N, C-alpha and C. Protein backbone atom coordinates (compact mmCIF):
# COMPACT_ATOMS: atom_id res chain seq x y z
N MET A 1 39.93 18.64 31.93
CA MET A 1 39.61 19.06 30.57
C MET A 1 40.08 17.98 29.59
N PRO A 2 39.25 17.63 28.62
CA PRO A 2 39.64 16.57 27.68
C PRO A 2 40.76 17.02 26.76
N ASP A 3 41.57 16.07 26.33
CA ASP A 3 42.64 16.35 25.38
C ASP A 3 42.04 16.35 23.98
N ILE A 4 41.99 17.51 23.36
CA ILE A 4 41.40 17.65 22.04
C ILE A 4 42.51 17.70 21.01
N GLN A 5 42.48 16.78 20.06
CA GLN A 5 43.47 16.76 18.99
C GLN A 5 43.07 17.77 17.91
N THR A 6 43.96 18.67 17.59
CA THR A 6 43.66 19.67 16.56
C THR A 6 44.64 19.52 15.42
N GLU A 7 44.28 20.03 14.30
CA GLU A 7 45.15 20.05 13.12
C GLU A 7 45.47 21.50 12.75
N GLY A 8 45.46 22.39 13.74
CA GLY A 8 45.70 23.80 13.48
C GLY A 8 47.17 24.13 13.38
N TYR A 9 47.44 25.39 13.32
CA TYR A 9 48.80 25.88 13.20
C TYR A 9 49.32 26.25 14.59
N GLU A 10 49.59 25.24 15.39
CA GLU A 10 50.05 25.45 16.75
C GLU A 10 51.52 25.10 16.81
N PHE A 11 52.35 26.07 17.17
CA PHE A 11 53.79 25.89 17.14
C PHE A 11 54.40 25.82 18.53
N PHE A 12 53.56 25.69 19.55
CA PHE A 12 54.06 25.63 20.92
C PHE A 12 55.00 24.43 21.06
N GLY A 13 56.15 24.68 21.64
CA GLY A 13 57.11 23.60 21.87
C GLY A 13 58.01 23.31 20.70
N MET A 14 57.83 24.00 19.58
CA MET A 14 58.68 23.78 18.42
C MET A 14 59.80 24.82 18.42
N SER A 15 60.95 24.42 17.92
CA SER A 15 62.07 25.36 17.83
C SER A 15 61.87 26.28 16.64
N ASP A 16 62.54 27.42 16.67
CA ASP A 16 62.48 28.36 15.54
C ASP A 16 62.96 27.70 14.25
N ILE A 17 63.97 26.84 14.37
CA ILE A 17 64.51 26.17 13.19
C ILE A 17 63.46 25.24 12.58
N GLU A 18 62.71 24.52 13.42
CA GLU A 18 61.66 23.64 12.91
C GLU A 18 60.57 24.44 12.20
N ILE A 19 60.17 25.54 12.79
CA ILE A 19 59.12 26.37 12.19
C ILE A 19 59.60 26.95 10.87
N LYS A 20 60.83 27.48 10.86
CA LYS A 20 61.38 28.04 9.62
C LYS A 20 61.43 26.97 8.54
N SER A 21 61.85 25.79 8.89
CA SER A 21 61.93 24.69 7.93
C SER A 21 60.55 24.37 7.35
N MET A 22 59.51 24.44 8.18
CA MET A 22 58.15 24.18 7.71
C MET A 22 57.69 25.26 6.73
N PHE A 23 58.03 26.53 7.02
CA PHE A 23 57.68 27.61 6.09
C PHE A 23 58.42 27.43 4.76
N ILE A 24 59.69 27.08 4.84
CA ILE A 24 60.48 26.89 3.62
C ILE A 24 59.90 25.74 2.80
N GLU A 25 59.49 24.66 3.48
CA GLU A 25 58.87 23.53 2.78
C GLU A 25 57.64 23.98 2.00
N ARG A 26 56.81 24.81 2.63
CA ARG A 26 55.59 25.30 1.98
C ARG A 26 55.94 26.17 0.77
N ILE A 27 56.90 27.06 0.95
CA ILE A 27 57.30 27.97 -0.14
C ILE A 27 57.92 27.17 -1.28
N GLU A 28 58.75 26.18 -0.95
CA GLU A 28 59.35 25.35 -2.00
C GLU A 28 58.29 24.54 -2.74
N TYR A 29 57.27 24.10 -2.03
CA TYR A 29 56.18 23.38 -2.69
C TYR A 29 55.50 24.31 -3.71
N LEU A 30 55.19 25.54 -3.28
CA LEU A 30 54.53 26.49 -4.18
C LEU A 30 55.42 26.83 -5.37
N MET A 31 56.73 26.96 -5.12
CA MET A 31 57.67 27.23 -6.21
C MET A 31 57.64 26.08 -7.23
N ALA A 32 57.67 24.86 -6.74
CA ALA A 32 57.65 23.70 -7.62
C ALA A 32 56.34 23.64 -8.40
N ASN A 33 55.24 23.96 -7.72
CA ASN A 33 53.93 23.95 -8.35
C ASN A 33 53.86 24.96 -9.50
N HIS A 34 54.55 26.09 -9.34
CA HIS A 34 54.56 27.13 -10.38
C HIS A 34 55.71 26.94 -11.38
N GLY A 35 56.64 26.03 -11.06
CA GLY A 35 57.80 25.83 -11.94
C GLY A 35 58.80 26.97 -11.83
N TRP A 36 58.89 27.59 -10.64
CA TRP A 36 59.76 28.75 -10.45
C TRP A 36 61.04 28.36 -9.74
N SER A 37 62.11 29.03 -10.13
CA SER A 37 63.38 28.95 -9.42
C SER A 37 63.37 30.02 -8.32
N ARG A 38 64.39 30.02 -7.49
CA ARG A 38 64.49 31.07 -6.46
C ARG A 38 64.65 32.45 -7.12
N LYS A 39 65.39 32.50 -8.22
CA LYS A 39 65.56 33.76 -8.95
C LYS A 39 64.22 34.26 -9.47
N MET A 40 63.42 33.35 -10.03
CA MET A 40 62.10 33.75 -10.54
C MET A 40 61.21 34.23 -9.40
N LEU A 41 61.27 33.54 -8.26
CA LEU A 41 60.49 33.96 -7.10
C LEU A 41 60.89 35.36 -6.66
N ALA A 42 62.18 35.62 -6.66
CA ALA A 42 62.66 36.96 -6.29
C ALA A 42 62.11 38.01 -7.26
N ASP A 43 62.18 37.72 -8.55
CA ASP A 43 61.69 38.66 -9.56
C ASP A 43 60.19 38.92 -9.39
N LYS A 44 59.42 37.85 -9.19
CA LYS A 44 57.96 37.99 -9.11
C LYS A 44 57.51 38.62 -7.79
N SER A 45 58.28 38.43 -6.72
CA SER A 45 57.90 38.99 -5.42
C SER A 45 58.47 40.38 -5.19
N GLY A 46 59.45 40.78 -5.99
CA GLY A 46 60.08 42.08 -5.79
C GLY A 46 61.10 42.09 -4.66
N LEU A 47 61.42 40.90 -4.14
CA LEU A 47 62.42 40.81 -3.07
C LEU A 47 63.79 40.57 -3.69
N PRO A 48 64.85 41.07 -3.05
CA PRO A 48 66.18 40.85 -3.60
C PRO A 48 66.52 39.36 -3.71
N THR A 49 67.17 38.98 -4.80
CA THR A 49 67.54 37.58 -5.03
C THR A 49 68.38 37.06 -3.88
N SER A 50 69.35 37.84 -3.43
CA SER A 50 70.21 37.39 -2.33
C SER A 50 69.40 37.14 -1.07
N SER A 51 68.37 37.95 -0.85
CA SER A 51 67.50 37.79 0.31
C SER A 51 66.71 36.48 0.22
N ILE A 52 66.18 36.18 -0.96
CA ILE A 52 65.43 34.93 -1.16
C ILE A 52 66.33 33.73 -0.89
N TYR A 53 67.54 33.76 -1.45
CA TYR A 53 68.46 32.65 -1.23
C TYR A 53 68.80 32.48 0.25
N ALA A 54 69.05 33.58 0.94
CA ALA A 54 69.41 33.51 2.36
C ALA A 54 68.23 33.05 3.21
N LYS A 55 67.05 33.58 2.94
CA LYS A 55 65.89 33.27 3.78
C LYS A 55 65.33 31.87 3.53
N LEU A 56 65.60 31.31 2.35
CA LEU A 56 65.14 29.95 2.06
C LEU A 56 66.24 28.91 2.31
N ASP A 57 67.32 29.34 2.96
CA ASP A 57 68.39 28.42 3.35
C ASP A 57 68.12 27.98 4.79
N ARG A 58 67.85 26.70 4.96
CA ARG A 58 67.51 26.18 6.30
C ARG A 58 68.62 26.38 7.32
N ASP A 59 69.87 26.48 6.88
CA ASP A 59 70.99 26.64 7.80
C ASP A 59 71.32 28.10 8.09
N SER A 60 70.70 29.01 7.37
CA SER A 60 70.95 30.44 7.54
C SER A 60 70.22 30.97 8.78
N THR A 61 70.74 32.05 9.33
CA THR A 61 70.06 32.70 10.46
C THR A 61 69.08 33.76 9.97
N SER A 62 69.05 34.00 8.67
CA SER A 62 68.14 34.99 8.09
C SER A 62 66.70 34.50 8.24
N GLN A 63 65.80 35.39 8.65
CA GLN A 63 64.42 35.02 8.92
C GLN A 63 63.47 35.68 7.91
N LEU A 64 62.35 35.01 7.66
CA LEU A 64 61.29 35.59 6.85
C LEU A 64 60.50 36.57 7.70
N THR A 65 60.34 37.79 7.22
CA THR A 65 59.56 38.79 7.94
C THR A 65 58.12 38.77 7.44
N LEU A 66 57.25 39.47 8.12
CA LEU A 66 55.86 39.57 7.67
C LEU A 66 55.80 40.25 6.30
N ILE A 67 56.63 41.25 6.09
CA ILE A 67 56.67 41.93 4.78
C ILE A 67 57.09 40.93 3.70
N ASP A 68 58.09 40.09 4.00
CA ASP A 68 58.51 39.06 3.05
C ASP A 68 57.34 38.12 2.73
N MET A 69 56.65 37.69 3.78
CA MET A 69 55.54 36.75 3.59
C MET A 69 54.44 37.37 2.74
N CYS A 70 54.16 38.65 2.95
CA CYS A 70 53.15 39.33 2.13
C CYS A 70 53.57 39.40 0.67
N ALA A 71 54.84 39.71 0.43
CA ALA A 71 55.34 39.78 -0.95
C ALA A 71 55.29 38.41 -1.62
N LEU A 72 55.64 37.36 -0.87
CA LEU A 72 55.61 36.01 -1.42
C LEU A 72 54.17 35.57 -1.70
N ALA A 73 53.27 35.87 -0.78
CA ALA A 73 51.86 35.50 -0.97
C ALA A 73 51.30 36.19 -2.21
N LYS A 74 51.63 37.45 -2.38
CA LYS A 74 51.15 38.19 -3.56
C LYS A 74 51.70 37.56 -4.84
N ALA A 75 52.98 37.20 -4.82
CA ALA A 75 53.59 36.59 -6.01
C ALA A 75 52.92 35.26 -6.35
N PHE A 76 52.60 34.46 -5.34
CA PHE A 76 51.96 33.16 -5.55
C PHE A 76 50.45 33.27 -5.75
N ASP A 77 49.89 34.47 -5.51
CA ASP A 77 48.44 34.70 -5.57
C ASP A 77 47.71 33.79 -4.58
N VAL A 78 48.22 33.79 -3.35
CA VAL A 78 47.58 33.07 -2.26
C VAL A 78 47.46 34.00 -1.06
N SER A 79 46.63 33.63 -0.13
CA SER A 79 46.52 34.36 1.12
C SER A 79 47.77 34.12 1.95
N VAL A 80 48.16 35.07 2.77
CA VAL A 80 49.31 34.90 3.66
C VAL A 80 49.08 33.67 4.55
N VAL A 81 47.84 33.45 4.95
CA VAL A 81 47.52 32.28 5.78
C VAL A 81 47.87 30.99 5.04
N GLN A 82 47.77 31.00 3.73
CA GLN A 82 48.08 29.79 2.95
C GLN A 82 49.58 29.53 2.84
N LEU A 83 50.39 30.44 3.37
CA LEU A 83 51.83 30.19 3.44
C LEU A 83 52.22 29.48 4.73
N LEU A 84 51.26 29.37 5.64
CA LEU A 84 51.54 28.65 6.88
C LEU A 84 51.88 27.20 6.55
N PRO A 85 52.67 26.55 7.39
CA PRO A 85 53.04 25.16 7.11
C PRO A 85 51.84 24.26 6.90
N LEU A 86 52.06 23.23 6.14
CA LEU A 86 51.01 22.29 5.79
C LEU A 86 50.54 21.49 7.00
N THR A 87 49.24 21.33 7.12
CA THR A 87 48.69 20.43 8.12
C THR A 87 48.74 19.02 7.51
N GLN A 88 48.54 18.01 8.32
CA GLN A 88 48.56 16.64 7.81
C GLN A 88 47.47 16.43 6.77
N GLN A 89 46.31 17.04 6.97
CA GLN A 89 45.22 16.91 6.00
C GLN A 89 45.62 17.47 4.64
N GLU A 90 46.29 18.64 4.64
CA GLU A 90 46.74 19.22 3.38
C GLU A 90 47.78 18.33 2.70
N LEU A 91 48.69 17.77 3.51
CA LEU A 91 49.70 16.87 2.95
C LEU A 91 49.02 15.68 2.28
N ASN A 92 47.98 15.15 2.91
CA ASN A 92 47.25 14.02 2.35
C ASN A 92 46.54 14.38 1.05
N GLN A 93 46.18 15.66 0.87
CA GLN A 93 45.48 16.11 -0.33
C GLN A 93 46.43 16.67 -1.37
N GLY A 94 47.71 16.48 -1.19
CA GLY A 94 48.69 16.95 -2.16
C GLY A 94 49.25 18.32 -1.88
N GLY A 95 48.86 18.95 -0.80
CA GLY A 95 49.44 20.21 -0.37
C GLY A 95 49.03 21.44 -1.14
N LYS A 96 48.05 21.33 -2.01
CA LYS A 96 47.66 22.50 -2.81
C LYS A 96 46.83 23.46 -1.97
N PRO A 97 47.06 24.77 -2.13
CA PRO A 97 46.20 25.74 -1.45
C PRO A 97 44.76 25.57 -1.90
N LEU A 98 43.83 25.87 -1.02
CA LEU A 98 42.42 25.68 -1.32
C LEU A 98 41.97 26.53 -2.49
N ALA A 99 42.41 27.78 -2.54
CA ALA A 99 42.01 28.67 -3.62
C ALA A 99 43.01 29.80 -3.74
N LYS A 100 43.12 30.35 -4.92
CA LYS A 100 43.98 31.52 -5.10
C LYS A 100 43.36 32.71 -4.38
N ALA A 101 44.21 33.63 -3.94
CA ALA A 101 43.73 34.81 -3.23
C ALA A 101 42.79 35.63 -4.10
N SER A 102 43.10 35.74 -5.39
CA SER A 102 42.24 36.51 -6.29
C SER A 102 40.86 35.85 -6.41
N MET A 103 40.82 34.52 -6.36
CA MET A 103 39.54 33.81 -6.41
C MET A 103 38.76 34.04 -5.11
N MET A 104 39.45 34.03 -3.99
CA MET A 104 38.78 34.28 -2.71
C MET A 104 38.21 35.69 -2.67
N ARG A 105 38.94 36.65 -3.23
CA ARG A 105 38.44 38.03 -3.29
C ARG A 105 37.19 38.09 -4.16
N MET A 106 37.21 37.37 -5.28
CA MET A 106 36.05 37.35 -6.16
C MET A 106 34.83 36.79 -5.43
N TRP A 107 35.02 35.72 -4.65
CA TRP A 107 33.91 35.14 -3.88
C TRP A 107 33.39 36.14 -2.86
N ASP A 108 34.30 36.87 -2.20
CA ASP A 108 33.87 37.89 -1.23
C ASP A 108 32.99 38.93 -1.90
N VAL A 109 33.39 39.37 -3.09
CA VAL A 109 32.62 40.38 -3.82
C VAL A 109 31.25 39.81 -4.20
N LEU A 110 31.26 38.58 -4.74
CA LEU A 110 29.99 37.97 -5.13
C LEU A 110 29.06 37.78 -3.94
N LEU A 111 29.58 37.33 -2.83
CA LEU A 111 28.75 37.07 -1.66
C LEU A 111 28.22 38.35 -1.00
N SER A 112 28.82 39.47 -1.34
CA SER A 112 28.34 40.73 -0.78
C SER A 112 27.17 41.31 -1.59
N ARG A 113 26.84 40.68 -2.69
CA ARG A 113 25.73 41.15 -3.54
C ARG A 113 24.38 40.88 -2.86
N SER A 114 23.40 41.64 -3.30
CA SER A 114 22.04 41.44 -2.78
C SER A 114 21.47 40.15 -3.36
N GLN A 115 20.40 39.68 -2.78
CA GLN A 115 19.76 38.45 -3.26
C GLN A 115 19.33 38.60 -4.71
N GLU A 116 18.77 39.76 -5.05
CA GLU A 116 18.32 39.98 -6.42
C GLU A 116 19.49 39.90 -7.40
N GLU A 117 20.61 40.53 -7.05
CA GLU A 117 21.79 40.50 -7.92
C GLU A 117 22.33 39.07 -8.06
N LEU A 118 22.32 38.33 -6.97
CA LEU A 118 22.78 36.94 -7.02
C LEU A 118 21.89 36.10 -7.91
N GLU A 119 20.60 36.37 -7.89
CA GLU A 119 19.68 35.63 -8.75
C GLU A 119 19.95 35.92 -10.22
N VAL A 120 20.26 37.18 -10.55
CA VAL A 120 20.60 37.54 -11.93
C VAL A 120 21.90 36.84 -12.34
N ILE A 121 22.90 36.85 -11.46
CA ILE A 121 24.17 36.18 -11.75
C ILE A 121 23.94 34.70 -11.98
N PHE A 122 23.09 34.09 -11.15
CA PHE A 122 22.77 32.67 -11.30
C PHE A 122 22.11 32.40 -12.65
N GLU A 123 21.18 33.26 -13.05
CA GLU A 123 20.50 33.08 -14.33
C GLU A 123 21.49 33.20 -15.50
N ILE A 124 22.42 34.14 -15.39
CA ILE A 124 23.45 34.28 -16.43
C ILE A 124 24.30 33.02 -16.49
N ASP A 125 24.65 32.50 -15.33
CA ASP A 125 25.44 31.27 -15.26
C ASP A 125 24.69 30.11 -15.92
N GLN A 126 23.41 30.01 -15.67
CA GLN A 126 22.61 28.95 -16.27
C GLN A 126 22.59 29.07 -17.80
N LEU A 127 22.48 30.31 -18.29
CA LEU A 127 22.51 30.54 -19.75
C LEU A 127 23.87 30.12 -20.35
N LEU A 128 24.95 30.45 -19.67
CA LEU A 128 26.29 30.08 -20.15
C LEU A 128 26.45 28.58 -20.21
N HIS A 129 25.99 27.88 -19.20
CA HIS A 129 26.09 26.42 -19.18
C HIS A 129 25.20 25.79 -20.24
N ALA A 130 24.07 26.37 -20.49
CA ALA A 130 23.16 25.86 -21.54
C ALA A 130 23.83 26.00 -22.91
N ARG A 131 24.56 27.12 -23.13
CA ARG A 131 25.22 27.36 -24.42
C ARG A 131 26.36 26.35 -24.62
N LYS A 132 27.05 26.01 -23.52
CA LYS A 132 28.15 25.04 -23.62
C LYS A 132 27.64 23.68 -24.11
N LYS A 133 26.45 23.31 -23.66
CA LYS A 133 25.88 22.00 -24.01
C LYS A 133 25.47 21.93 -25.46
N ASP A 134 25.15 23.08 -26.06
CA ASP A 134 24.67 23.12 -27.45
C ASP A 134 25.79 22.98 -28.45
């Protein structure tokens, strides 16, 4: 079988400490992007401040749970998947999430519309862009 190089989220062979450090790096990047301190992150996520400090300490044995990840994703307005460690491609692009979770939800809603409804939305969009040019 050929050796296929992937850029996915494969953690086989990595220690728990390495994986935790990668999650913390991603969370710290998002915090910096929003201009948030750990206290602000705790407030916005609804998680206890002491818990945020412990779980974002690379030397601590405290672990991020799925519930923690969901609360953090909601606070950052990103998908839980977007909290996964950065791939090399994302690092090369500045590490920004592709889209906010609320924007992805909006796209899901729009794409679930019928063809006729999408055509009306497109026509409205064309009118808005025409007004901007005037």
